[in-house]
Amino acid sequence: MALVASVGFAACGDTSDVVISELTEVEAQDLAGVVLLATFSSTGSVPQPPVPSPNGPQTVPFTFATEFEGPVQCPLGGVVNVAASLEVSGDTESEAGHMEYTMTQIHDACMAASENDRTFTLWGNPSMTLGFAVDNNGLGVVEWAGSIEGTIDWETDGREGSCTVQMEFSGRDEADVTKTAQMTGTVCGFSISQSVSIG
């Protein structure tokens, strides 16, 4: 049963009357998709060193590592504050490569919309932890898989709440094919198994 509160969550910074409630199963699925969209926004913004040229001073096989801390813009406003590390290895001759991300995410009024056009605003409670690996076979196919877990505060349509998220996701990129992610796990106490378009 929804409970009317005189103040919002401290994390949300809203002192107006709000409704503290739980999500339905469909809404939890929407939240799972929004969390994943914010995740891909943050991983795509981690700076990556340039791939060495086969004609340069480095040998054709290469490895490098980098770290990044700072805010990353969310799809509809707000930010995710991330602390990330990235390790990359590959071969400039075959164009095959492997990347591994580890990342802590703290959402700060991060906004994104689900495929059902439900907009969520997210705050870290306190944070989410991400592990993410990407493999490029050098022939135009990129496969990726990862996991994300933690607790997050959410707001949608004047309602607020908090949910625990434990998800695994995977997918592949190919030319002229819509990028989708297969997701499984638990969000807000509901079992999640769905496909989400991410670009």
N, C-alpha and C. Protein backbone atom coordinates (compact mmCIF):
# COMPACT_ATOMS: atom_id res chain seq x y z
N MET A 1 0.85 -1.18 0.00
CA MET A 1 0.00 0.00 0.00
C MET A 1 0.89 1.24 0.00
N ALA A 2 0.53 2.18 -0.84
CA ALA A 2 1.33 3.41 -0.93
C ALA A 2 1.19 4.20 0.36
N LEU A 3 2.23 4.89 0.73
CA LEU A 3 2.26 5.71 1.92
C LEU A 3 2.58 7.14 1.52
N VAL A 4 1.72 8.09 1.91
CA VAL A 4 1.98 9.48 1.60
C VAL A 4 2.92 10.04 2.65
N ALA A 5 4.04 10.62 2.19
CA ALA A 5 5.04 11.17 3.10
C ALA A 5 5.10 12.67 2.94
N SER A 6 5.49 13.35 4.01
CA SER A 6 5.56 14.81 3.96
C SER A 6 6.83 15.30 3.32
N VAL A 7 7.84 14.42 3.23
CA VAL A 7 9.09 14.80 2.57
C VAL A 7 9.53 13.65 1.71
N GLY A 8 10.34 13.96 0.70
CA GLY A 8 10.88 12.93 -0.18
C GLY A 8 12.12 12.33 0.42
N PHE A 9 12.70 11.39 -0.33
CA PHE A 9 13.98 10.82 0.07
C PHE A 9 15.00 11.94 0.14
N ALA A 10 15.90 11.85 1.11
CA ALA A 10 16.97 12.85 1.20
C ALA A 10 17.82 12.83 -0.04
N ALA A 11 18.01 11.62 -0.63
CA ALA A 11 18.84 11.52 -1.83
C ALA A 11 18.21 12.28 -2.99
N CYS A 12 16.89 12.35 -3.01
CA CYS A 12 16.23 12.99 -4.13
C CYS A 12 16.20 14.51 -3.98
N GLY A 13 16.35 15.00 -2.74
CA GLY A 13 16.37 16.43 -2.53
C GLY A 13 15.04 17.10 -2.75
N ASP A 14 13.92 16.37 -2.61
CA ASP A 14 12.60 16.91 -2.86
C ASP A 14 11.87 17.05 -1.54
N THR A 15 11.45 18.26 -1.19
CA THR A 15 10.78 18.47 0.08
C THR A 15 9.27 18.57 -0.08
N SER A 16 8.74 18.33 -1.28
CA SER A 16 7.30 18.35 -1.50
C SER A 16 6.71 17.00 -1.11
N ASP A 17 5.36 16.96 -1.03
CA ASP A 17 4.70 15.69 -0.74
C ASP A 17 4.95 14.71 -1.88
N VAL A 18 5.32 13.49 -1.53
CA VAL A 18 5.56 12.46 -2.52
C VAL A 18 4.87 11.19 -2.07
N VAL A 19 4.69 10.28 -2.99
CA VAL A 19 4.13 8.97 -2.68
C VAL A 19 5.26 7.95 -2.70
N ILE A 20 5.52 7.35 -1.55
CA ILE A 20 6.53 6.30 -1.48
C ILE A 20 5.83 4.97 -1.75
N SER A 21 6.25 4.26 -2.76
CA SER A 21 5.51 3.07 -3.17
C SER A 21 6.45 2.03 -3.74
N GLU A 22 5.88 0.92 -4.12
CA GLU A 22 6.61 -0.15 -4.78
C GLU A 22 6.22 -0.19 -6.25
N LEU A 23 7.11 -0.75 -7.06
CA LEU A 23 6.82 -0.88 -8.48
C LEU A 23 6.05 -2.16 -8.77
N THR A 24 5.24 -2.14 -9.81
CA THR A 24 4.64 -3.37 -10.32
C THR A 24 5.70 -4.16 -11.08
N GLU A 25 5.36 -5.36 -11.48
CA GLU A 25 6.32 -6.18 -12.22
C GLU A 25 6.68 -5.53 -13.56
N VAL A 26 5.69 -4.99 -14.25
CA VAL A 26 5.96 -4.33 -15.53
C VAL A 26 6.84 -3.11 -15.32
N GLU A 27 6.57 -2.33 -14.27
CA GLU A 27 7.40 -1.16 -13.99
C GLU A 27 8.82 -1.56 -13.60
N ALA A 28 8.97 -2.67 -12.89
CA ALA A 28 10.31 -3.16 -12.55
C ALA A 28 11.09 -3.55 -13.80
N GLN A 29 10.39 -4.12 -14.78
CA GLN A 29 11.03 -4.44 -16.05
C GLN A 29 11.48 -3.16 -16.76
N ASP A 30 10.64 -2.13 -16.70
CA ASP A 30 11.01 -0.83 -17.27
C ASP A 30 12.24 -0.27 -16.57
N LEU A 31 12.26 -0.35 -15.24
CA LEU A 31 13.40 0.15 -14.48
C LEU A 31 14.67 -0.60 -14.87
N ALA A 32 14.58 -1.92 -15.06
CA ALA A 32 15.75 -2.70 -15.46
C ALA A 32 16.32 -2.19 -16.78
N GLY A 33 15.44 -1.88 -17.74
CA GLY A 33 15.90 -1.36 -19.02
C GLY A 33 16.55 0.00 -18.88
N VAL A 34 16.00 0.85 -18.01
CA VAL A 34 16.56 2.19 -17.80
C VAL A 34 17.93 2.10 -17.15
N VAL A 35 18.08 1.22 -16.16
CA VAL A 35 19.39 1.02 -15.53
C VAL A 35 20.42 0.58 -16.57
N LEU A 36 20.01 -0.31 -17.48
CA LEU A 36 20.94 -0.78 -18.50
C LEU A 36 21.31 0.34 -19.47
N LEU A 37 20.34 1.17 -19.86
CA LEU A 37 20.64 2.30 -20.75
C LEU A 37 21.65 3.25 -20.10
N ALA A 38 21.46 3.53 -18.82
CA ALA A 38 22.42 4.39 -18.11
C ALA A 38 23.78 3.74 -18.03
N THR A 39 23.80 2.42 -17.90
CA THR A 39 25.07 1.68 -17.86
C THR A 39 25.83 1.83 -19.17
N PHE A 40 25.15 1.67 -20.28
CA PHE A 40 25.83 1.79 -21.57
C PHE A 40 26.25 3.22 -21.85
N SER A 41 25.50 4.18 -21.37
CA SER A 41 25.93 5.57 -21.51
C SER A 41 27.23 5.82 -20.79
N SER A 42 27.37 5.22 -19.60
CA SER A 42 28.57 5.46 -18.80
C SER A 42 29.78 4.71 -19.35
N THR A 43 29.61 3.46 -19.82
CA THR A 43 30.76 2.73 -20.35
C THR A 43 31.26 3.37 -21.65
N GLY A 44 30.33 3.87 -22.46
CA GLY A 44 30.74 4.48 -23.72
C GLY A 44 31.47 5.79 -23.56
N SER A 45 31.41 6.37 -22.36
CA SER A 45 32.06 7.67 -22.13
C SER A 45 33.42 7.55 -21.47
N VAL A 46 33.84 6.33 -21.12
CA VAL A 46 35.18 6.15 -20.54
C VAL A 46 36.22 6.40 -21.62
N PRO A 47 37.14 7.34 -21.43
CA PRO A 47 38.16 7.62 -22.46
C PRO A 47 39.00 6.40 -22.76
N GLN A 48 39.25 6.18 -24.06
CA GLN A 48 40.07 5.05 -24.48
C GLN A 48 41.28 5.55 -25.25
N PRO A 49 42.48 5.09 -24.87
CA PRO A 49 43.67 5.48 -25.61
C PRO A 49 43.58 5.03 -27.06
N PRO A 50 44.24 5.74 -27.98
CA PRO A 50 44.18 5.36 -29.39
C PRO A 50 44.83 4.00 -29.64
N VAL A 51 44.24 3.26 -30.56
CA VAL A 51 44.82 1.98 -30.95
C VAL A 51 46.11 2.22 -31.70
N PRO A 52 47.20 1.53 -31.35
CA PRO A 52 48.47 1.77 -32.03
C PRO A 52 48.44 1.37 -33.50
N SER A 53 49.16 2.08 -34.30
CA SER A 53 49.26 1.78 -35.72
C SER A 53 50.29 0.68 -35.97
N PRO A 54 50.03 -0.24 -36.90
CA PRO A 54 51.02 -1.27 -37.22
C PRO A 54 52.33 -0.67 -37.72
N ASN A 55 52.27 0.57 -38.25
CA ASN A 55 53.49 1.21 -38.77
C ASN A 55 54.19 2.05 -37.71
N GLY A 56 53.61 2.13 -36.53
CA GLY A 56 54.18 2.95 -35.46
C GLY A 56 55.24 2.21 -34.68
N PRO A 57 55.63 2.79 -33.54
CA PRO A 57 56.72 2.21 -32.76
C PRO A 57 56.33 0.95 -32.02
N GLN A 58 55.00 0.70 -31.81
CA GLN A 58 54.59 -0.48 -31.10
C GLN A 58 54.44 -1.66 -32.05
N THR A 59 54.54 -2.87 -31.49
CA THR A 59 54.30 -4.07 -32.28
C THR A 59 52.81 -4.18 -32.58
N VAL A 60 52.46 -5.06 -33.52
CA VAL A 60 51.07 -5.21 -33.92
C VAL A 60 50.18 -5.66 -32.77
N PRO A 61 50.51 -6.68 -31.99
CA PRO A 61 49.72 -6.97 -30.79
C PRO A 61 49.90 -5.83 -29.78
N PHE A 62 48.85 -5.50 -29.06
CA PHE A 62 48.96 -4.39 -28.11
C PHE A 62 48.12 -4.66 -26.87
N THR A 63 48.49 -4.01 -25.78
CA THR A 63 47.70 -3.99 -24.55
C THR A 63 47.82 -2.60 -23.94
N PHE A 64 46.79 -2.16 -23.29
CA PHE A 64 46.90 -0.94 -22.50
C PHE A 64 45.80 -0.94 -21.44
N ALA A 65 45.97 -0.08 -20.46
CA ALA A 65 45.00 0.06 -19.37
C ALA A 65 44.83 1.54 -19.06
N THR A 66 43.64 1.89 -18.61
CA THR A 66 43.37 3.28 -18.25
C THR A 66 42.35 3.32 -17.13
N GLU A 67 42.30 4.45 -16.42
CA GLU A 67 41.31 4.66 -15.37
C GLU A 67 40.63 5.99 -15.60
N PHE A 68 39.41 6.11 -15.08
CA PHE A 68 38.64 7.33 -15.27
C PHE A 68 37.74 7.55 -14.07
N GLU A 69 37.69 8.78 -13.59
CA GLU A 69 36.74 9.17 -12.55
C GLU A 69 36.09 10.48 -12.96
N GLY A 70 34.76 10.54 -12.83
CA GLY A 70 34.09 11.78 -13.15
C GLY A 70 32.64 11.55 -13.51
N PRO A 71 31.92 12.63 -13.80
CA PRO A 71 30.50 12.53 -14.16
C PRO A 71 30.32 12.20 -15.64
N VAL A 72 29.29 11.40 -15.91
CA VAL A 72 28.92 11.04 -17.28
C VAL A 72 27.45 11.40 -17.47
N GLN A 73 27.13 12.06 -18.57
CA GLN A 73 25.76 12.49 -18.82
C GLN A 73 24.83 11.30 -19.06
N CYS A 74 23.62 11.40 -18.51
CA CYS A 74 22.59 10.39 -18.73
C CYS A 74 21.74 10.77 -19.95
N PRO A 75 20.99 9.81 -20.52
CA PRO A 75 20.27 10.08 -21.77
C PRO A 75 19.33 11.29 -21.74
N LEU A 76 18.63 11.52 -20.61
CA LEU A 76 17.64 12.61 -20.56
C LEU A 76 17.96 13.66 -19.51
N GLY A 77 19.17 13.65 -18.99
CA GLY A 77 19.56 14.63 -17.99
C GLY A 77 20.13 13.98 -16.75
N GLY A 78 20.80 14.78 -15.92
CA GLY A 78 21.46 14.23 -14.75
C GLY A 78 22.74 13.52 -15.15
N VAL A 79 23.40 12.94 -14.16
CA VAL A 79 24.68 12.30 -14.42
C VAL A 79 24.80 10.99 -13.65
N VAL A 80 25.76 10.18 -14.08
CA VAL A 80 26.26 9.07 -13.29
C VAL A 80 27.71 9.39 -12.96
N ASN A 81 28.04 9.45 -11.69
CA ASN A 81 29.43 9.63 -11.28
C ASN A 81 30.10 8.26 -11.25
N VAL A 82 31.15 8.11 -12.05
CA VAL A 82 31.75 6.79 -12.21
C VAL A 82 33.21 6.80 -11.78
N ALA A 83 33.65 5.65 -11.29
CA ALA A 83 35.06 5.36 -11.07
C ALA A 83 35.31 4.06 -11.81
N ALA A 84 36.07 4.14 -12.90
CA ALA A 84 36.17 3.02 -13.82
C ALA A 84 37.62 2.68 -14.13
N SER A 85 37.83 1.42 -14.43
CA SER A 85 39.11 0.98 -14.98
C SER A 85 38.82 0.16 -16.23
N LEU A 86 39.70 0.26 -17.20
CA LEU A 86 39.53 -0.39 -18.50
C LEU A 86 40.84 -1.03 -18.91
N GLU A 87 40.79 -2.30 -19.28
CA GLU A 87 41.95 -3.02 -19.82
C GLU A 87 41.61 -3.50 -21.22
N VAL A 88 42.53 -3.27 -22.14
CA VAL A 88 42.30 -3.59 -23.55
C VAL A 88 43.48 -4.37 -24.09
N SER A 89 43.20 -5.38 -24.88
CA SER A 89 44.24 -6.08 -25.61
C SER A 89 43.72 -6.38 -27.01
N GLY A 90 44.62 -6.48 -27.97
CA GLY A 90 44.17 -6.74 -29.33
C GLY A 90 45.31 -6.90 -30.30
N ASP A 91 44.93 -6.90 -31.56
CA ASP A 91 45.87 -7.13 -32.65
C ASP A 91 45.45 -6.22 -33.80
N THR A 92 46.27 -5.26 -34.16
CA THR A 92 45.90 -4.31 -35.20
C THR A 92 45.89 -4.95 -36.59
N GLU A 93 46.54 -6.07 -36.74
CA GLU A 93 46.54 -6.74 -38.03
C GLU A 93 45.21 -7.44 -38.30
N SER A 94 44.74 -8.20 -37.31
CA SER A 94 43.47 -8.91 -37.48
C SER A 94 42.27 -8.06 -37.06
N GLU A 95 42.53 -6.98 -36.32
CA GLU A 95 41.52 -6.09 -35.75
C GLU A 95 40.67 -6.77 -34.69
N ALA A 96 41.11 -7.92 -34.20
CA ALA A 96 40.44 -8.57 -33.07
C ALA A 96 40.89 -7.92 -31.78
N GLY A 97 40.03 -7.96 -30.77
CA GLY A 97 40.41 -7.35 -29.51
C GLY A 97 39.49 -7.74 -28.37
N HIS A 98 39.92 -7.40 -27.16
CA HIS A 98 39.17 -7.73 -25.94
C HIS A 98 39.25 -6.55 -24.99
N MET A 99 38.12 -6.16 -24.38
CA MET A 99 38.09 -5.08 -23.39
C MET A 99 37.38 -5.57 -22.14
N GLU A 100 37.88 -5.14 -20.99
CA GLU A 100 37.23 -5.44 -19.72
C GLU A 100 37.08 -4.17 -18.90
N TYR A 101 35.84 -3.88 -18.50
CA TYR A 101 35.53 -2.74 -17.65
C TYR A 101 35.22 -3.23 -16.23
N THR A 102 35.66 -2.49 -15.24
CA THR A 102 35.11 -2.58 -13.89
C THR A 102 34.75 -1.16 -13.50
N MET A 103 33.59 -0.99 -12.86
CA MET A 103 33.10 0.36 -12.65
C MET A 103 32.18 0.43 -11.44
N THR A 104 32.34 1.49 -10.68
CA THR A 104 31.37 1.86 -9.65
C THR A 104 30.58 3.05 -10.16
N GLN A 105 29.26 2.98 -10.05
CA GLN A 105 28.38 4.04 -10.55
C GLN A 105 27.56 4.62 -9.40
N ILE A 106 27.54 5.95 -9.30
CA ILE A 106 26.67 6.63 -8.36
C ILE A 106 25.76 7.55 -9.16
N HIS A 107 24.51 7.18 -9.29
CA HIS A 107 23.55 7.97 -10.08
C HIS A 107 23.17 9.23 -9.31
N ASP A 108 23.07 10.34 -10.03
CA ASP A 108 22.74 11.63 -9.43
C ASP A 108 21.71 12.32 -10.31
N ALA A 109 20.43 12.11 -9.98
CA ALA A 109 19.32 12.64 -10.79
C ALA A 109 19.46 12.21 -12.25
N CYS A 110 19.90 10.97 -12.46
CA CYS A 110 20.10 10.41 -13.81
C CYS A 110 18.75 10.02 -14.39
N MET A 111 18.44 10.57 -15.57
CA MET A 111 17.14 10.35 -16.18
C MET A 111 17.27 9.58 -17.49
N ALA A 112 16.37 8.61 -17.67
CA ALA A 112 16.30 7.85 -18.91
C ALA A 112 14.90 7.28 -19.03
N ALA A 113 14.49 6.96 -20.26
CA ALA A 113 13.15 6.44 -20.52
C ALA A 113 13.22 5.00 -21.00
N SER A 114 12.25 4.21 -20.57
CA SER A 114 12.16 2.81 -20.99
C SER A 114 11.55 2.72 -22.39
N GLU A 115 11.52 1.52 -22.94
CA GLU A 115 10.90 1.31 -24.24
C GLU A 115 9.39 1.56 -24.19
N ASN A 116 8.81 1.53 -22.98
CA ASN A 116 7.39 1.84 -22.81
C ASN A 116 7.16 3.32 -22.51
N ASP A 117 8.21 4.13 -22.72
CA ASP A 117 8.14 5.59 -22.52
C ASP A 117 7.87 5.97 -21.06
N ARG A 118 8.29 5.14 -20.13
CA ARG A 118 8.24 5.51 -18.72
C ARG A 118 9.59 6.10 -18.33
N THR A 119 9.58 7.34 -17.87
CA THR A 119 10.81 8.03 -17.49
C THR A 119 11.09 7.82 -16.01
N PHE A 120 12.32 7.41 -15.70
CA PHE A 120 12.77 7.26 -14.33
C PHE A 120 13.89 8.26 -14.06
N THR A 121 13.93 8.76 -12.84
CA THR A 121 15.07 9.50 -12.34
C THR A 121 15.71 8.67 -11.24
N LEU A 122 17.04 8.51 -11.30
CA LEU A 122 17.75 7.56 -10.44
C LEU A 122 18.77 8.26 -9.56
N TRP A 123 18.91 7.75 -8.32
CA TRP A 123 19.96 8.20 -7.40
C TRP A 123 20.64 6.97 -6.80
N GLY A 124 21.94 7.02 -6.60
CA GLY A 124 22.66 5.91 -6.00
C GLY A 124 22.30 5.74 -4.53
N ASN A 125 22.22 4.46 -4.09
CA ASN A 125 21.88 4.18 -2.69
C ASN A 125 22.68 2.97 -2.17
N PRO A 126 23.99 3.00 -2.00
CA PRO A 126 24.81 4.18 -2.34
C PRO A 126 25.35 4.14 -3.78
N SER A 127 25.44 2.91 -4.36
CA SER A 127 26.10 2.82 -5.67
C SER A 127 25.74 1.50 -6.34
N MET A 128 26.12 1.41 -7.62
CA MET A 128 26.00 0.17 -8.40
C MET A 128 27.41 -0.26 -8.81
N THR A 129 27.59 -1.57 -8.92
CA THR A 129 28.87 -2.13 -9.34
C THR A 129 28.69 -2.87 -10.66
N LEU A 130 29.57 -2.57 -11.60
CA LEU A 130 29.47 -3.11 -12.96
C LEU A 130 30.73 -3.87 -13.33
N GLY A 131 30.54 -5.04 -13.95
CA GLY A 131 31.61 -5.76 -14.62
C GLY A 131 31.18 -6.01 -16.05
N PHE A 132 32.07 -5.78 -17.03
CA PHE A 132 31.63 -5.75 -18.43
C PHE A 132 32.80 -6.16 -19.32
N ALA A 133 32.60 -7.14 -20.20
CA ALA A 133 33.64 -7.59 -21.12
C ALA A 133 33.13 -7.54 -22.55
N VAL A 134 34.01 -7.13 -23.47
CA VAL A 134 33.66 -6.99 -24.89
C VAL A 134 34.71 -7.72 -25.72
N ASP A 135 34.25 -8.53 -26.69
CA ASP A 135 35.16 -9.25 -27.59
C ASP A 135 34.81 -8.93 -29.03
N ASN A 136 35.83 -8.55 -29.81
CA ASN A 136 35.69 -8.27 -31.24
C ASN A 136 36.47 -9.34 -31.99
N ASN A 137 35.78 -10.09 -32.85
CA ASN A 137 36.46 -11.18 -33.55
C ASN A 137 37.25 -10.71 -34.77
N GLY A 138 37.21 -9.40 -35.04
CA GLY A 138 37.95 -8.87 -36.18
C GLY A 138 37.25 -9.03 -37.50
N LEU A 139 36.05 -9.63 -37.48
CA LEU A 139 35.30 -9.89 -38.71
C LEU A 139 33.96 -9.16 -38.71
N GLY A 140 33.86 -8.15 -37.87
CA GLY A 140 32.64 -7.35 -37.86
C GLY A 140 31.62 -7.75 -36.82
N VAL A 141 31.95 -8.70 -35.96
CA VAL A 141 31.02 -9.14 -34.91
C VAL A 141 31.64 -8.83 -33.55
N VAL A 142 30.88 -8.12 -32.72
CA VAL A 142 31.31 -7.77 -31.38
C VAL A 142 30.33 -8.40 -30.39
N GLU A 143 30.85 -9.20 -29.48
CA GLU A 143 30.01 -9.83 -28.45
C GLU A 143 30.38 -9.25 -27.09
N TRP A 144 29.40 -9.08 -26.21
CA TRP A 144 29.65 -8.49 -24.92
C TRP A 144 28.73 -9.11 -23.87
N ALA A 145 29.20 -9.06 -22.62
CA ALA A 145 28.45 -9.62 -21.51
C ALA A 145 28.91 -8.95 -20.23
N GLY A 146 28.00 -8.88 -19.26
CA GLY A 146 28.38 -8.25 -18.01
C GLY A 146 27.34 -8.46 -16.94
N SER A 147 27.57 -7.82 -15.81
CA SER A 147 26.64 -7.88 -14.69
C SER A 147 26.64 -6.54 -13.98
N ILE A 148 25.53 -6.22 -13.33
CA ILE A 148 25.41 -5.00 -12.56
C ILE A 148 24.56 -5.29 -11.34
N GLU A 149 25.00 -4.77 -10.20
CA GLU A 149 24.24 -5.02 -8.97
C GLU A 149 24.42 -3.86 -8.00
N GLY A 150 23.46 -3.73 -7.11
CA GLY A 150 23.48 -2.67 -6.10
C GLY A 150 22.06 -2.26 -5.77
N THR A 151 21.94 -1.16 -5.05
CA THR A 151 20.64 -0.62 -4.67
C THR A 151 20.52 0.79 -5.21
N ILE A 152 19.34 1.10 -5.74
CA ILE A 152 19.15 2.40 -6.38
C ILE A 152 17.81 2.99 -5.94
N ASP A 153 17.79 4.31 -5.74
CA ASP A 153 16.54 5.03 -5.49
C ASP A 153 15.99 5.50 -6.82
N TRP A 154 14.66 5.47 -6.96
CA TRP A 154 14.03 5.84 -8.22
C TRP A 154 12.86 6.78 -7.97
N GLU A 155 12.51 7.54 -9.00
CA GLU A 155 11.32 8.39 -9.02
C GLU A 155 10.68 8.30 -10.39
N THR A 156 9.37 8.14 -10.43
CA THR A 156 8.64 8.16 -11.69
C THR A 156 7.21 8.57 -11.43
N ASP A 157 6.70 9.50 -12.20
CA ASP A 157 5.30 9.93 -12.11
C ASP A 157 4.89 10.33 -10.70
N GLY A 158 5.76 11.05 -9.98
CA GLY A 158 5.42 11.52 -8.65
C GLY A 158 5.52 10.48 -7.56
N ARG A 159 6.04 9.31 -7.87
CA ARG A 159 6.23 8.23 -6.89
C ARG A 159 7.71 7.99 -6.72
N GLU A 160 8.10 7.55 -5.53
CA GLU A 160 9.49 7.27 -5.24
C GLU A 160 9.63 5.94 -4.51
N GLY A 161 10.79 5.35 -4.63
CA GLY A 161 11.05 4.10 -3.93
C GLY A 161 12.51 3.74 -4.04
N SER A 162 12.84 2.54 -3.59
CA SER A 162 14.21 2.04 -3.62
C SER A 162 14.17 0.58 -4.01
N CYS A 163 15.10 0.15 -4.85
CA CYS A 163 15.11 -1.22 -5.34
C CYS A 163 16.52 -1.80 -5.34
N THR A 164 16.59 -3.08 -5.04
CA THR A 164 17.83 -3.83 -5.22
C THR A 164 17.86 -4.40 -6.64
N VAL A 165 19.01 -4.28 -7.28
CA VAL A 165 19.18 -4.72 -8.67
C VAL A 165 20.31 -5.75 -8.74
N GLN A 166 20.03 -6.89 -9.33
CA GLN A 166 21.05 -7.90 -9.63
C GLN A 166 20.76 -8.43 -11.03
N MET A 167 21.54 -8.02 -12.00
CA MET A 167 21.26 -8.39 -13.39
C MET A 167 22.52 -8.86 -14.10
N GLU A 168 22.32 -9.78 -15.02
CA GLU A 168 23.33 -10.15 -16.00
C GLU A 168 22.79 -9.79 -17.38
N PHE A 169 23.68 -9.40 -18.28
CA PHE A 169 23.24 -9.01 -19.61
C PHE A 169 24.27 -9.44 -20.65
N SER A 170 23.82 -9.60 -21.86
CA SER A 170 24.73 -10.00 -22.95
C SER A 170 24.12 -9.59 -24.27
N GLY A 171 24.94 -9.56 -25.31
CA GLY A 171 24.46 -9.22 -26.64
C GLY A 171 25.59 -9.25 -27.64
N ARG A 172 25.26 -8.84 -28.85
CA ARG A 172 26.27 -8.79 -29.92
C ARG A 172 25.92 -7.68 -30.89
N ASP A 173 26.95 -7.12 -31.50
CA ASP A 173 26.79 -6.08 -32.51
C ASP A 173 27.19 -6.65 -33.86
N GLU A 174 26.34 -6.45 -34.84
CA GLU A 174 26.66 -6.79 -36.22
C GLU A 174 26.18 -5.66 -37.11
N ALA A 175 26.79 -5.53 -38.27
CA ALA A 175 26.40 -4.48 -39.20
C ALA A 175 24.94 -4.62 -39.59
N ASP A 176 24.24 -3.48 -39.62
CA ASP A 176 22.85 -3.42 -40.08
C ASP A 176 21.88 -4.22 -39.21
N VAL A 177 22.26 -4.49 -37.96
CA VAL A 177 21.38 -5.20 -37.04
C VAL A 177 21.17 -4.32 -35.81
N THR A 178 19.91 -4.16 -35.38
CA THR A 178 19.62 -3.35 -34.20
C THR A 178 20.28 -3.96 -32.97
N LYS A 179 20.95 -3.13 -32.20
CA LYS A 179 21.66 -3.60 -31.02
C LYS A 179 20.67 -3.86 -29.89
N THR A 180 20.65 -5.09 -29.40
CA THR A 180 19.77 -5.44 -28.29
C THR A 180 20.58 -6.15 -27.21
N ALA A 181 20.07 -6.08 -25.99
CA ALA A 181 20.69 -6.76 -24.85
C ALA A 181 19.69 -7.76 -24.27
N GLN A 182 20.17 -8.96 -23.98
CA GLN A 182 19.37 -9.94 -23.27
C GLN A 182 19.68 -9.80 -21.78
N MET A 183 18.63 -9.62 -20.96
CA MET A 183 18.80 -9.36 -19.54
C MET A 183 18.10 -10.43 -18.72
N THR A 184 18.78 -10.89 -17.66
CA THR A 184 18.16 -11.78 -16.69
C THR A 184 18.60 -11.34 -15.30
N GLY A 185 17.78 -11.66 -14.30
CA GLY A 185 18.17 -11.32 -12.94
C GLY A 185 16.97 -10.97 -12.09
N THR A 186 17.21 -10.15 -11.06
CA THR A 186 16.17 -9.75 -10.12
C THR A 186 16.22 -8.24 -9.94
N VAL A 187 15.07 -7.61 -10.06
CA VAL A 187 14.94 -6.16 -9.87
C VAL A 187 13.70 -5.90 -9.02
N CYS A 188 13.85 -5.23 -7.91
CA CYS A 188 12.74 -4.90 -7.01
C CYS A 188 11.99 -6.16 -6.54
N GLY A 189 12.71 -7.27 -6.44
CA GLY A 189 12.10 -8.51 -5.99
C GLY A 189 11.44 -9.33 -7.09
N PHE A 190 11.41 -8.81 -8.32
CA PHE A 190 10.82 -9.52 -9.45
C PHE A 190 11.91 -10.17 -10.30
N SER A 191 11.64 -11.37 -10.80
CA SER A 191 12.54 -12.02 -11.75
C SER A 191 12.38 -11.34 -13.11
N ILE A 192 13.53 -11.00 -13.71
CA ILE A 192 13.54 -10.28 -14.98
C ILE A 192 14.18 -11.15 -16.05
N SER A 193 13.53 -11.25 -17.19
CA SER A 193 14.11 -11.93 -18.36
C SER A 193 13.51 -11.24 -19.58
N GLN A 194 14.30 -10.42 -20.25
CA GLN A 194 13.76 -9.63 -21.36
C GLN A 194 14.88 -9.18 -22.29
N SER A 195 14.45 -8.71 -23.46
CA SER A 195 15.35 -8.15 -24.46
C SER A 195 15.07 -6.67 -24.56
N VAL A 196 16.14 -5.86 -24.57
CA VAL A 196 16.00 -4.41 -24.58
C VAL A 196 16.85 -3.83 -25.71
N SER A 197 16.26 -2.92 -26.50
CA SER A 197 17.01 -2.24 -27.55
C SER A 197 17.88 -1.17 -26.93
N ILE A 198 19.16 -1.14 -27.30
CA ILE A 198 20.07 -0.14 -26.74
C ILE A 198 20.76 0.68 -27.83
N GLY A 199 20.23 0.64 -29.05
CA GLY A 199 20.80 1.49 -30.09
C GLY A 199 20.79 0.81 -31.44
